[in-house]
Structure formats: structure tokens, C-alpha cells
C-alpha atoms as a PDB file:
ATOM      1  CA  MET A   1     157.221  33.881  49.088  1.00  0.00           C
ATOM      2  CA  LEU A   2     156.001  33.873  52.466  1.00  0.00           C
ATOM      3  CA  LYS A   3     152.296  31.797  52.063  1.00  0.00           C
ATOM      4  CA  LEU A   4     150.198  31.963  55.309  1.00  0.00           C
ATOM      5  CA  LEU A   5     147.946  29.204  56.169  1.00  0.00           C
ATOM      6  CA  ASP A   6     144.769  31.367  55.316  1.00  0.00           C
ATOM      7  CA  THR A   7     145.988  32.083  51.696  1.00  0.00           C
ATOM      8  CA  HIS A   8     146.934  28.354  51.202  1.00  0.00           C
ATOM      9  CA  LEU A   9     143.610  27.504  52.440  1.00  0.00           C
ATOM     10  CA  TYR A  10     141.830  30.109  50.028  1.00  0.00           C
ATOM     11  CA  GLU A  11     143.817  29.381  46.996  1.00  0.00           C
ATOM     12  CA  SER A  12     142.771  25.653  47.888  1.00  0.00           C
ATOM     13  CA  LYS A  13     139.213  26.378  47.094  1.00  0.00           C
ATOM     14  CA  ALA A  14     138.324  25.231  50.657  1.00  0.00           C
ATOM     15  CA  PRO A  15     134.995  26.724  51.327  1.00  0.00           C
ATOM     16  CA  ASP A  16     134.893  29.677  53.547  1.00  0.00           C
ATOM     17  CA  SER A  17     133.331  27.967  56.674  1.00  0.00           C
ATOM     18  CA  LEU A  18     135.963  25.560  56.743  1.00  0.00           C
ATOM     19  CA  ARG A  19     138.716  27.959  56.112  1.00  0.00           C
ATOM     20  CA  HIS A  20     137.422  29.679  58.983  1.00  0.00           C
ATOM     21  CA  LEU A  21     136.860  27.269  61.088  1.00  0.00           C
ATOM     22  CA  ILE A  22     140.714  25.272  60.312  1.00  0.00           C
ATOM     23  CA  ASN A  23     142.524  29.164  61.107  1.00  0.00           C
ATOM     24  CA  TYR A  24     140.243  28.931  64.738  1.00  0.00           C
ATOM     25  CA  ILE A  25     141.984  25.656  65.373  1.00  0.00           C
ATOM     26  CA  ALA A  26     145.341  26.665  64.365  1.00  0.00           C
ATOM     27  CA  ARG A  27     144.725  29.716  66.867  1.00  0.00           C
ATOM     28  CA  ALA A  28     144.319  27.159  69.511  1.00  0.00           C
ATOM     29  CA  GLY A  29     147.315  25.314  68.160  1.00  0.00           C
ATOM     30  CA  LYS A  30     149.198  28.388  69.323  1.00  0.00           C
ATOM     31  CA  TYR A  31     148.285  29.027  72.587  1.00  0.00           C
ATOM     32  CA  ILE A  32     148.910  24.798  73.202  1.00  0.00           C
ATOM     33  CA  ASN A  33     152.228  25.493  72.170  1.00  0.00           C
ATOM     34  CA  TYR A  34     152.639  28.116  74.371  1.00  0.00           C
ATOM     35  CA  SER A  35     151.496  26.128  77.335  1.00  0.00           C
ATOM     36  CA  LEU A  36     154.036  23.437  76.647  1.00  0.00           C
ATOM     37  CA  GLN A  37     156.842  25.557  76.825  1.00  0.00           C
ATOM     38  CA  MET A  38     155.440  27.702  80.203  1.00  0.00           C
ATOM     39  CA  GLY A  39     153.206  25.246  81.772  1.00  0.00           C
ATOM     40  CA  ASP A  40     152.479  23.040  84.372  1.00  0.00           C
ATOM     41  CA  LEU A  41     153.789  19.503  83.225  1.00  0.00           C
ATOM     42  CA  GLY A  42     152.496  17.084  86.344  1.00  0.00           C
ATOM     43  CA  LYS A  43     149.225  14.887  86.642  1.00  0.00           C
ATOM     44  CA  ALA A  44     145.725  16.670  86.292  1.00  0.00           C
ATOM     45  CA  GLY A  45     144.759  14.440  89.486  1.00  0.00           C
ATOM     46  CA  SER A  46     141.935  12.949  87.295  1.00  0.00           C
ATOM     47  CA  GLN A  47     141.199  10.430  84.464  1.00  0.00           C
ATOM     48  CA  ASN A  48     140.242  10.671  80.539  1.00  0.00           C
ATOM     49  CA  PHE A  49     137.233   8.603  80.076  1.00  0.00           C
ATOM     50  CA  SER A  50     139.584   5.919  78.837  1.00  0.00           C
ATOM     51  CA  GLY A  51     140.699   5.569  82.417  1.00  0.00           C
ATOM     52  CA  GLU A  52     144.146   7.377  81.634  1.00  0.00           C
ATOM     53  CA  ASP A  53     145.726   9.440  84.044  1.00  0.00           C
ATOM     54  CA  GLN A  54     145.147  13.220  82.499  1.00  0.00           C
ATOM     55  CA  LEU A  55     148.350  15.537  82.927  1.00  0.00           C
ATOM     56  CA  ALA A  56     147.285  18.924  83.720  1.00  0.00           C
ATOM     57  CA  LEU A  57     148.561  19.896  80.147  1.00  0.00           C
ATOM     58  CA  ASP A  58     145.842  17.543  78.513  1.00  0.00           C
ATOM     59  CA  VAL A  59     143.166  19.102  80.340  1.00  0.00           C
ATOM     60  CA  LEU A  60     144.303  22.751  79.120  1.00  0.00           C
ATOM     61  CA  ALA A  61     144.679  21.639  75.742  1.00  0.00           C
ATOM     62  CA  ASP A  62     141.271  19.973  75.520  1.00  0.00           C
ATOM     63  CA  GLN A  63     139.653  23.082  77.447  1.00  0.00           C
ATOM     64  CA  THR A  64     141.835  25.519  74.550  1.00  0.00           C
ATOM     65  CA  ILE A  65     140.407  23.748  71.322  1.00  0.00           C
ATOM     66  CA  MET A  66     137.091  23.010  72.391  1.00  0.00           C
ATOM     67  CA  GLU A  67     136.910  26.818  73.469  1.00  0.00           C
ATOM     68  CA  ASN A  68     138.578  27.804  70.140  1.00  0.00           C
ATOM     69  CA  ILE A  69     135.542  25.665  67.972  1.00  0.00           C
ATOM     70  CA  MET A  70     132.820  26.711  70.038  1.00  0.00           C
ATOM     71  CA  VAL A  71     133.698  30.406  69.483  1.00  0.00           C
ATOM     72  CA  CYS A  72     133.869  30.507  65.973  1.00  0.00           C
ATOM     73  CA  ARG A  73     129.635  29.404  65.320  1.00  0.00           C
ATOM     74  CA  LEU A  74     131.145  27.261  62.630  1.00  0.00           C
ATOM     75  CA  VAL A  75     130.692  24.019  64.322  1.00  0.00           C
ATOM     76  CA  SER A  76     127.320  22.276  65.827  1.00  0.00           C
ATOM     77  CA  ALA A  77     128.872  19.312  68.015  1.00  0.00           C
ATOM     78  CA  ALA A  78     132.607  18.393  69.209  1.00  0.00           C
ATOM     79  CA  VAL A  79     134.065  15.250  70.802  1.00  0.00           C
ATOM     80  CA  SER A  80     137.390  15.147  72.316  1.00  0.00           C
ATOM     81  CA  GLU A  81     139.344  11.882  73.407  1.00  0.00           C
ATOM     82  CA  GLU A  82     139.810  12.908  76.826  1.00  0.00           C
ATOM     83  CA  GLN A  83     135.743  13.606  77.494  1.00  0.00           C
ATOM     84  CA  ASP A  84     133.177  10.897  77.411  1.00  0.00           C
ATOM     85  CA  ASP A  85     130.147  13.399  76.446  1.00  0.00           C
ATOM     86  CA  VAL A  86     130.110  14.932  73.025  1.00  0.00           C
ATOM     87  CA  ALA A  87     129.913  18.879  73.290  1.00  0.00           C
ATOM     88  CA  VAL A  88     127.268  20.797  71.459  1.00  0.00           C
ATOM     89  CA  CYS A  89     127.698  24.475  70.204  1.00  0.00           C
ATOM     90  CA  PRO A  90     125.777  26.623  72.425  1.00  0.00           C
ATOM     91  CA  SER A  91     124.402  28.178  69.306  1.00  0.00           C
ATOM     92  CA  CYS A  92     122.373  25.239  68.565  1.00  0.00           C
ATOM     93  CA  LYS A  93     120.091  26.166  71.430  1.00  0.00           C
ATOM     94  CA  THR A  94     118.842  29.071  69.426  1.00  0.00           C
ATOM     95  CA  GLY A  95     118.384  27.087  66.104  1.00  0.00           C
ATOM     96  CA  THR A  96     122.095  28.564  64.463  1.00  0.00           C
ATOM     97  CA  CYS A  97     123.815  25.726  64.626  1.00  0.00           C
ATOM     98  CA  GLY A  98     127.313  25.243  62.448  1.00  0.00           C
ATOM     99  CA  GLU A  99     127.831  22.766  59.385  1.00  0.00           C
ATOM    100  CA  TYR A 100     130.773  20.895  60.691  1.00  0.00           C
ATOM    101  CA  VAL A 101     131.319  18.326  63.715  1.00  0.00           C
ATOM    102  CA  VAL A 102     135.021  18.055  64.825  1.00  0.00           C
ATOM    103  CA  ALA A 103     136.591  14.797  66.840  1.00  0.00           C
ATOM    104  CA  PHE A 104     140.381  15.435  68.209  1.00  0.00           C
ATOM    105  CA  ASP A 105     142.928  14.109  70.351  1.00  0.00           C
ATOM    106  CA  PRO A 106     144.020  17.132  72.192  1.00  0.00           C
ATOM    107  CA  LEU A 107     147.525  15.817  72.924  1.00  0.00           C
ATOM    108  CA  ASP A 108     148.549  12.738  71.520  1.00  0.00           C
ATOM    109  CA  GLY A 109     151.451  10.936  73.290  1.00  0.00           C
ATOM    110  CA  SER A 110     151.294  13.517  76.364  1.00  0.00           C
ATOM    111  CA  SER A 111     153.433  11.066  78.428  1.00  0.00           C
ATOM    112  CA  LEU A 112     155.959  11.711  76.712  1.00  0.00           C
ATOM    113  CA  VAL A 113     156.131  15.220  77.616  1.00  0.00           C
ATOM    114  CA  ASP A 114     158.480  14.622  80.662  1.00  0.00           C
ATOM    115  CA  ALA A 115     160.850  13.374  78.054  1.00  0.00           C
ATOM    116  CA  ASN A 116     160.624  16.147  76.097  1.00  0.00           C
ATOM    117  CA  LEU A 117     159.603  14.388  73.116  1.00  0.00           C
ATOM    118  CA  ALA A 118     157.494  15.475  70.111  1.00  0.00           C
ATOM    119  CA  ILE A 119     153.956  15.553  70.997  1.00  0.00           C
ATOM    120  CA  GLY A 120     150.604  16.413  68.766  1.00  0.00           C
ATOM    121  CA  THR A 121     146.903  17.609  68.328  1.00  0.00           C
ATOM    122  CA  ILE A 122     145.028  15.065  65.847  1.00  0.00           C
ATOM    123  CA  MET A 123     141.420  16.421  64.147  1.00  0.00           C
ATOM    124  CA  THR A 124     139.119  15.538  61.685  1.00  0.00           C
ATOM    125  CA  ILE A 125     136.347  17.410  60.221  1.00  0.00           C
ATOM    126  CA  TYR A 126     132.933  16.334  58.711  1.00  0.00           C
ATOM    127  CA  LYS A 127     129.753  18.212  57.245  1.00  0.00           C
ATOM    128  CA  GLY A 128     127.033  18.161  59.198  1.00  0.00           C
ATOM    129  CA  ASN A 129     125.698  17.333  62.654  1.00  0.00           C
ATOM    130  CA  GLU A 130     126.933  13.904  63.696  1.00  0.00           C
ATOM    131  CA  PHE A 131     129.797  11.613  64.246  1.00  0.00           C
ATOM    132  CA  LEU A 132     128.508   8.129  64.745  1.00  0.00           C
ATOM    133  CA  GLY A 133     127.991   6.053  61.746  1.00  0.00           C
ATOM    134  CA  ARG A 134     129.722   8.264  59.981  1.00  0.00           C
ATOM    135  CA  THR A 135     132.726   6.561  57.846  1.00  0.00           C
ATOM    136  CA  GLY A 136     136.205   7.749  57.160  1.00  0.00           C
ATOM    137  CA  ARG A 137     135.595   8.566  53.414  1.00  0.00           C
ATOM    138  CA  GLU A 138     132.928  11.484  54.291  1.00  0.00           C
ATOM    139  CA  GLN A 139     135.784  13.817  56.166  1.00  0.00           C
ATOM    140  CA  VAL A 140     136.253  17.353  55.002  1.00  0.00           C
ATOM    141  CA  ALA A 141     139.560  17.814  56.488  1.00  0.00           C
ATOM    142  CA  ALA A 142     141.995  16.127  58.476  1.00  0.00           C
ATOM    143  CA  LEU A 143     145.109  17.859  60.099  1.00  0.00           C
ATOM    144  CA  TYR A 144     147.484  17.361  63.125  1.00  0.00           C
ATOM    145  CA  MET A 145     149.971  19.902  64.919  1.00  0.00           C
ATOM    146  CA  LEU A 146     153.205  18.720  66.073  1.00  0.00           C
ATOM    147  CA  TYR A 147     154.645  20.103  68.918  1.00  0.00           C
ATOM    148  CA  GLY A 148     158.803  19.719  68.426  1.00  0.00           C
ATOM    149  CA  PRO A 149     161.589  21.695  67.987  1.00  0.00           C
ATOM    150  CA  ARG A 150     159.473  23.172  65.350  1.00  0.00           C
ATOM    151  CA  THR A 151     155.672  23.436  65.804  1.00  0.00           C
ATOM    152  CA  THR A 152     154.349  22.475  62.902  1.00  0.00           C
ATOM    153  CA  LEU A 153     150.816  21.919  61.106  1.00  0.00           C
ATOM    154  CA  VAL A 154     149.996  19.444  58.390  1.00  0.00           C
ATOM    155  CA  TYR A 155     146.015  19.896  56.837  1.00  0.00           C
ATOM    156  CA  THR A 156     144.487  17.840  53.887  1.00  0.00           C
ATOM    157  CA  ILE A 157     140.712  18.705  52.439  1.00  0.00           C
ATOM    158  CA  GLY A 158     141.509  16.429  49.783  1.00  0.00           C
ATOM    159  CA  SER A 159     143.910  18.280  47.630  1.00  0.00           C
ATOM    160  CA  GLY A 160     147.104  17.280  48.677  1.00  0.00           C
ATOM    161  CA  VAL A 161     148.986  17.114  51.849  1.00  0.00           C
ATOM    162  CA  HIS A 162     150.616  20.209  53.230  1.00  0.00           C
ATOM    163  CA  GLU A 163     152.750  21.479  55.719  1.00  0.00           C
ATOM    164  CA  PHE A 164     152.859  24.784  57.740  1.00  0.00           C
ATOM    165  CA  THR A 165     155.663  25.784  60.295  1.00  0.00           C
ATOM    166  CA  LEU A 166     154.941  28.322  63.010  1.00  0.00           C
ATOM    167  CA  ASN A 167     157.267  31.682  63.131  1.00  0.00           C
ATOM    168  CA  ASP A 168     158.413  34.003  65.479  1.00  0.00           C
ATOM    169  CA  VAL A 169     155.686  36.440  64.971  1.00  0.00           C
ATOM    170  CA  GLY A 170     152.846  33.588  65.752  1.00  0.00           C
ATOM    171  CA  GLU A 171     151.919  32.704  61.632  1.00  0.00           C
ATOM    172  CA  PHE A 172     151.602  29.519  60.273  1.00  0.00           C
ATOM    173  CA  THR A 173     153.584  29.535  57.294  1.00  0.00           C
ATOM    174  CA  LEU A 174     153.978  27.087  53.927  1.00  0.00           C
ATOM    175  CA  THR A 175     156.742  24.927  54.816  1.00  0.00           C
ATOM    176  CA  ARG A 176     156.292  21.999  52.308  1.00  0.00           C
ATOM    177  CA  GLU A 177     153.706  21.609  49.846  1.00  0.00           C
ATOM    178  CA  ASN A 178     151.972  18.213  48.056  1.00  0.00           C
ATOM    179  CA  LEU A 179     153.981  15.978  50.676  1.00  0.00           C
ATOM    180  CA  VAL A 180     154.466  12.325  48.809  1.00  0.00           C
ATOM    181  CA  VAL A 181     155.087   9.081  50.376  1.00  0.00           C
ATOM    182  CA  ARG A 182     156.829   6.603  48.014  1.00  0.00           C
ATOM    183  CA  ASP A 183     156.388   3.235  47.529  1.00  0.00           C
ATOM    184  CA  ASP A 184     159.899   1.812  48.684  1.00  0.00           C
ATOM    185  CA  ALA A 185     159.827   2.320  52.611  1.00  0.00           C
ATOM    186  CA  THR A 186     162.967   1.238  54.287  1.00  0.00           C
ATOM    187  CA  HIS A 187     162.130   3.141  57.922  1.00  0.00           C
ATOM    188  CA  PHE A 188     159.614   1.225  60.179  1.00  0.00           C
ATOM    189  CA  ALA A 189     157.638   2.224  63.778  1.00  0.00           C
ATOM    190  CA  PRO A 190     155.976  -1.211  65.412  1.00  0.00           C
ATOM    191  CA  GLY A 191     154.026   0.494  67.617  1.00  0.00           C
ATOM    192  CA  ASN A 192     153.060  -1.981  70.737  1.00  0.00           C
ATOM    193  CA  LEU A 193     156.059  -4.088  70.067  1.00  0.00           C
ATOM    194  CA  ARG A 194     154.745  -6.388  72.581  1.00  0.00           C
ATOM    195  CA  ALA A 195     152.164  -8.235  70.501  1.00  0.00           C
ATOM    196  CA  VAL A 196     155.420 -10.146  68.912  1.00  0.00           C
ATOM    197  CA  LYS A 197     154.503 -12.716  71.917  1.00  0.00           C
ATOM    198  CA  ASP A 198     151.173 -13.398  70.940  1.00  0.00           C
ATOM    199  CA  ASP A 199     151.012 -12.758  67.331  1.00  0.00           C
ATOM    200  CA  ALA A 200     153.751 -15.344  65.395  1.00  0.00           C
ATOM    201  CA  LYS A 201     152.621 -13.651  61.891  1.00  0.00           C
ATOM    202  CA  TYR A 202     153.730  -9.776  63.542  1.00  0.00           C
ATOM    203  CA  ARG A 203     156.687 -11.272  64.825  1.00  0.00           C
ATOM    204  CA  LYS A 204     157.812 -13.089  61.298  1.00  0.00           C
ATOM    205  CA  VAL A 205     157.367  -9.195  59.772  1.00  0.00           C
ATOM    206  CA  MET A 206     159.342  -7.825  62.254  1.00  0.00           C
ATOM    207  CA  GLU A 207     161.838 -10.304  62.117  1.00  0.00           C
ATOM    208  CA  ARG A 208     161.919 -10.143  57.919  1.00  0.00           C
ATOM    209  CA  TRP A 209     162.222  -6.130  58.109  1.00  0.00           C
ATOM    210  CA  MET A 210     165.306  -5.975  60.411  1.00  0.00           C
ATOM    211  CA  ASP A 211     166.945  -9.028  58.287  1.00  0.00           C
ATOM    212  CA  GLU A 212     166.279  -6.396  55.391  1.00  0.00           C
ATOM    213  CA  GLN A 213     168.128  -3.684  57.739  1.00  0.00           C
ATOM    214  CA  TYR A 214     165.024  -1.621  57.714  1.00  0.00           C
ATOM    215  CA  THR A 215     165.878   1.374  59.833  1.00  0.00           C
ATOM    216  CA  LEU A 216     164.089   1.515  63.036  1.00  0.00           C
ATOM    217  CA  ARG A 217     161.979   5.072  63.996  1.00  0.00           C
ATOM    218  CA  TYR A 218     159.501   4.705  66.545  1.00  0.00           C
ATOM    219  CA  SER A 219     159.225   7.459  69.210  1.00  0.00           C
ATOM    220  CA  GLY A 220     156.184   6.497  71.345  1.00  0.00           C
ATOM    221  CA  GLY A 221     153.715   8.752  69.586  1.00  0.00           C
ATOM    222  CA  MET A 222     151.654   8.285  67.007  1.00  0.00           C
ATOM    223  CA  THR A 223     151.768  11.945  65.223  1.00  0.00           C
ATOM    224  CA  PRO A 224     155.625  12.219  65.338  1.00  0.00           C
ATOM    225  CA  ASP A 225     156.323   9.019  64.095  1.00  0.00           C
ATOM    226  CA  VAL A 226     153.362   9.351  61.202  1.00  0.00           C
ATOM    227  CA  ASN A 227     154.698  13.017  60.812  1.00  0.00           C
ATOM    228  CA  HIS A 228     158.536  11.376  59.982  1.00  0.00           C
ATOM    229  CA  ILE A 229     156.957   8.891  57.493  1.00  0.00           C
ATOM    230  CA  LEU A 230     155.654  11.858  55.762  1.00  0.00           C
ATOM    231  CA  LEU A 231     158.518  14.602  55.920  1.00  0.00           C
ATOM    232  CA  LYS A 232     160.788  11.545  55.029  1.00  0.00           C
ATOM    233  CA  GLY A 233     158.536  10.283  51.839  1.00  0.00           C
ATOM    234  CA  GLN A 234     158.700   6.743  52.857  1.00  0.00           C
ATOM    235  CA  GLY A 235     158.340   4.281  56.023  1.00  0.00           C
ATOM    236  CA  ILE A 236     155.501   2.070  57.660  1.00  0.00           C
ATOM    237  CA  PHE A 237     153.552   2.315  60.780  1.00  0.00           C
ATOM    238  CA  THR A 238     152.119  -0.517  62.549  1.00  0.00           C
ATOM    239  CA  TYR A 239     150.087  -1.125  65.224  1.00  0.00           C
ATOM    240  CA  PRO A 240     148.346  -4.306  65.827  1.00  0.00           C
ATOM    241  CA  PRO A 241     146.441  -6.129  68.214  1.00  0.00           C
ATOM    242  CA  GLN A 242     147.790  -7.992  71.742  1.00  0.00           C
ATOM    243  CA  GLY A 243     146.347 -11.053  73.129  1.00  0.00           C
ATOM    244  CA  ASP A 244     143.595 -10.297  75.580  1.00  0.00           C
ATOM    245  CA  LYS A 245     144.948  -7.246  76.293  1.00  0.00           C
ATOM    246  CA  TYR A 246     144.622  -5.262  73.340  1.00  0.00           C
ATOM    247  CA  PRO A 247     142.447  -7.754  70.821  1.00  0.00           C
ATOM    248  CA  ASN A 248     141.174  -5.047  68.603  1.00  0.00           C
ATOM    249  CA  GLY A 249     144.450  -2.799  68.584  1.00  0.00           C
ATOM    250  CA  LYS A 250     144.281   0.478  70.946  1.00  0.00           C
ATOM    251  CA  LEU A 251     143.748   3.238  68.154  1.00  0.00           C
ATOM    252  CA  ARG A 252     140.759   5.200  67.891  1.00  0.00           C
ATOM    253  CA  LEU A 253     139.054   4.622  64.478  1.00  0.00           C
ATOM    254  CA  LEU A 254     137.283   8.214  65.099  1.00  0.00           C
ATOM    255  CA  PHE A 255     140.099  10.556  66.562  1.00  0.00           C
ATOM    256  CA  GLU A 256     143.413   8.629  65.451  1.00  0.00           C
ATOM    257  CA  CYS A 257     142.829   5.582  62.288  1.00  0.00           C
ATOM    258  CA  ASN A 258     140.628   7.959  60.293  1.00  0.00           C
ATOM    259  CA  PRO A 259     142.519  11.619  60.004  1.00  0.00           C
ATOM    260  CA  PHE A 260     145.406   9.620  59.627  1.00  0.00           C
ATOM    261  CA  ALA A 261     144.054   7.501  56.691  1.00  0.00           C
ATOM    262  CA  PHE A 262     142.967  10.731  54.935  1.00  0.00           C
ATOM    263  CA  LEU A 263     146.131  12.158  54.972  1.00  0.00           C
ATOM    264  CA  MET A 264     148.218   9.260  54.359  1.00  0.00           C
ATOM    265  CA  GLU A 265     145.886   8.094  51.547  1.00  0.00           C
ATOM    266  CA  GLN A 266     146.298  12.178  50.045  1.00  0.00           C
ATOM    267  CA  ALA A 267     149.907  12.140  50.246  1.00  0.00           C
ATOM    268  CA  GLY A 268     149.911   8.628  48.277  1.00  0.00           C
ATOM    269  CA  ALA A 269     150.217   6.025  50.498  1.00  0.00           C
ATOM    270  CA  LEU A 270     148.338   3.121  51.314  1.00  0.00           C
ATOM    271  CA  PRO A 271     146.307   2.961  54.707  1.00  0.00           C
ATOM    272  CA  TRP A 272     145.364  -0.098  55.419  1.00  0.00           C
ATOM    273  CA  PRO A 273     143.550  -1.319  58.929  1.00  0.00           C
ATOM    274  CA  ALA A 274     144.199  -4.829  59.799  1.00  0.00           C
ATOM    275  CA  ILE A 275     140.960  -6.065  58.761  1.00  0.00           C
ATOM    276  CA  SER A 276     139.422  -3.765  56.363  1.00  0.00           C
ATOM    277  CA  PRO A 277     139.948  -0.254  55.087  1.00  0.00           C
ATOM    278  CA  CYS A 278     139.001   2.795  56.887  1.00  0.00           C
ATOM    279  CA  TRP A 279     136.993   4.121  54.588  1.00  0.00           C
ATOM    280  CA  THR A 280     134.157   1.983  54.756  1.00  0.00           C
ATOM    281  CA  LEU A 281     133.983   1.314  58.554  1.00  0.00           C
ATOM    282  CA  LYS A 282     131.499   3.671  60.478  1.00  0.00           C
ATOM    283  CA  SER A 283     132.283   4.793  63.522  1.00  0.00           C
ATOM    284  CA  PRO A 284     129.525   2.891  66.207  1.00  0.00           C
ATOM    285  CA  ASN A 285     130.852   4.762  69.035  1.00  0.00           C
ATOM    286  CA  SER A 286     133.919   7.281  69.968  1.00  0.00           C
ATOM    287  CA  THR A 287     135.705   4.482  71.695  1.00  0.00           C
ATOM    288  CA  ASN A 288     135.661   2.202  68.953  1.00  0.00           C
ATOM    289  CA  VAL A 289     139.199   0.787  68.460  1.00  0.00           C
ATOM    290  CA  ARG A 290     140.780  -1.063  65.539  1.00  0.00           C
ATOM    291  CA  PRO A 291     144.519  -2.215  64.254  1.00  0.00           C
ATOM    292  CA  PHE A 292     146.515  -0.288  62.258  1.00  0.00           C
ATOM    293  CA  THR A 293     149.041   0.017  59.522  1.00  0.00           C
ATOM    294  CA  LEU A 294     149.921   3.055  57.705  1.00  0.00           C
ATOM    295  CA  ALA A 295     151.998   3.672  54.625  1.00  0.00           C
ATOM    296  CA  VAL A 296     152.775   0.391  53.080  1.00  0.00           C
ATOM    297  CA  SER A 297     154.158  -0.855  49.957  1.00  0.00           C
ATOM    298  CA  MET A 298     152.452  -3.120  47.521  1.00  0.00           C
ATOM    299  CA  ARG A 299     154.923  -5.534  48.393  1.00  0.00           C
ATOM    300  CA  TRP A 300     154.332  -5.480  52.236  1.00  0.00           C
ATOM    301  CA  ARG A 301     150.734  -5.379  51.838  1.00  0.00           C
ATOM    302  CA  ARG A 302     150.463  -8.530  50.412  1.00  0.00           C
ATOM    303  CA  TRP A 303     153.114  -9.912  52.909  1.00  0.00           C
ATOM    304  CA  PHE A 304     150.322  -8.450  55.898  1.00  0.00           C
ATOM    305  CA  ARG A 305     147.770 -10.118  53.826  1.00  0.00           C
ATOM    306  CA  ASN A 306     149.252 -13.113  53.721  1.00  0.00           C
END
């Protein structure tokens, strides 16, 4: 039987406010999906606050999400990986602030657009009116939308991980419920493979996986690679530090590590930053980065620790 995203959220006992907020986010994803098919693939002539060149689609996706979550009046503030300022909901000026804050990467992997590879949107939701000083454990929801051969939305509110597919009439319908990641990885997605030059341990792990004939599955985008692990039910994603260039890794705790750690934990996997668990790390600022490993089996977790 066809089950819509809104119905699934309701049956999962999501609070009405959170259910409505996720529906607004899903609506933004529909507009982004359309823009990817019809929009400008060129550069915007600007840079984000990290100094990376922005595509026109980066800017459009950022604006689309921000507009949708601000008009719903459920969010007090939002921060985007593409901007250096926190956006405060206009209604807060009248004393009617929303009860959530949202952080998002509007178009993860946007450099892959011109190669026609899958890219995604990553979202994390906290209750309250502040991001900073919060840990991953405090998230009330995390989700991503993947724009590929199919457009999908995968979410958790702490009661499992569920996948929805955008159909021809513009509805996200349930495709897979209660995704599970097993403890028997045979695929690996090694981000920043150049780190093997500076990190003997990382090189040793890569060689061990190749010796054991693990299958390489790496697209260059975190969202499609993590999605592959979730849907296949096994795999390992890594992104280590690299010498002086990225001494603390490159993935942002707020925008990438925390939401994917929440999703993976709910799927039964083992999210494990190289230093300490996401759940106990407070976000000192929106640009804080971490080394990161996802879906590590107990066997390989011991290996990484040693």
C-alpha cells in the first residue's frame, strides 16, 4: 500500500511541529530536484565562507531551503554551509520564535554536477534556538535527499531509518523501512585517499582491505557513498586527516558528521570519529571539522584504534 512521507511521520509519532518542518524540507528538495534537471550548471562567480567556488545551483539550493524553512514559522534560526551568518527567522522579531534550529549542506558534492553524478542535501534538526555547544546526541532529526537516477529522502527521528522515493506526481512515498547496516562490511569508500602518503596507518588499512578483496565504492560525494552503505546494508566510509593541509580532516561536525552519525547509529552501524564519538563532541562553531569513519564493524574498529 502506498505510504506518503507525512503519513509515515505521523504513524512514527513525530511531534506535529517536527512533522510539518520535515515536510517543508521535503518540498524544498522537490524544487532542487527540478532545478538540477532544468537549471544553470555554471559557476555563480562567488565563493562560500570556506573559500570554495559556488555553482549557480549551490546558491539556488541554498536559497530554496532557507526560504522554505523560514516561511514555516517552526524554526528560530538556520545555518547553511554556504553562508557565514546564522539566519534568524523574521517571526522571532515579533516574539514568536519557532522551536527548532536547522543546519544544512544544501548541495553536497555539487562539483560532481557537470559529470552527472549523484549529489545530495544534508539536514540536521535540533530543538531550541542555538546550534553551538550542542552535541550530536541532542539531534531530534537528521535526513538527506539524494538526487540521482531516483530522487530519494532518507530520515530518522530516533526510531529507525526510512527511505522515500519522489514519484511522478511529486510525492515522497515509502520505499524501504527500517534500514539496517550489518557487521560484515565488504565495500569501502575511502575519502581523501591522498592521506596514505602522510599516514602509515591509513595506508596499512587500505592495503589490508585490498588484500582481502574488498570492493571499492567511492563516488567523490559523501551523500551517495553513505546512501550506498545504507541501502546495501554494509560498507565502510572514511575521511581521515591529511598532513598540514587538513590536519583535522575536512568534514564538518555540524553539517556532515553529526547527521550521518545519527542516521548510521539508528541503522545499527558504528559511527566513529577518529578521536572521540560525535555524540560527546560539542560544536564550538559551524566550521569545526573532524576526521570521520562510518559503519565500521567491530573487527575494523579495533584495527583503527590500534
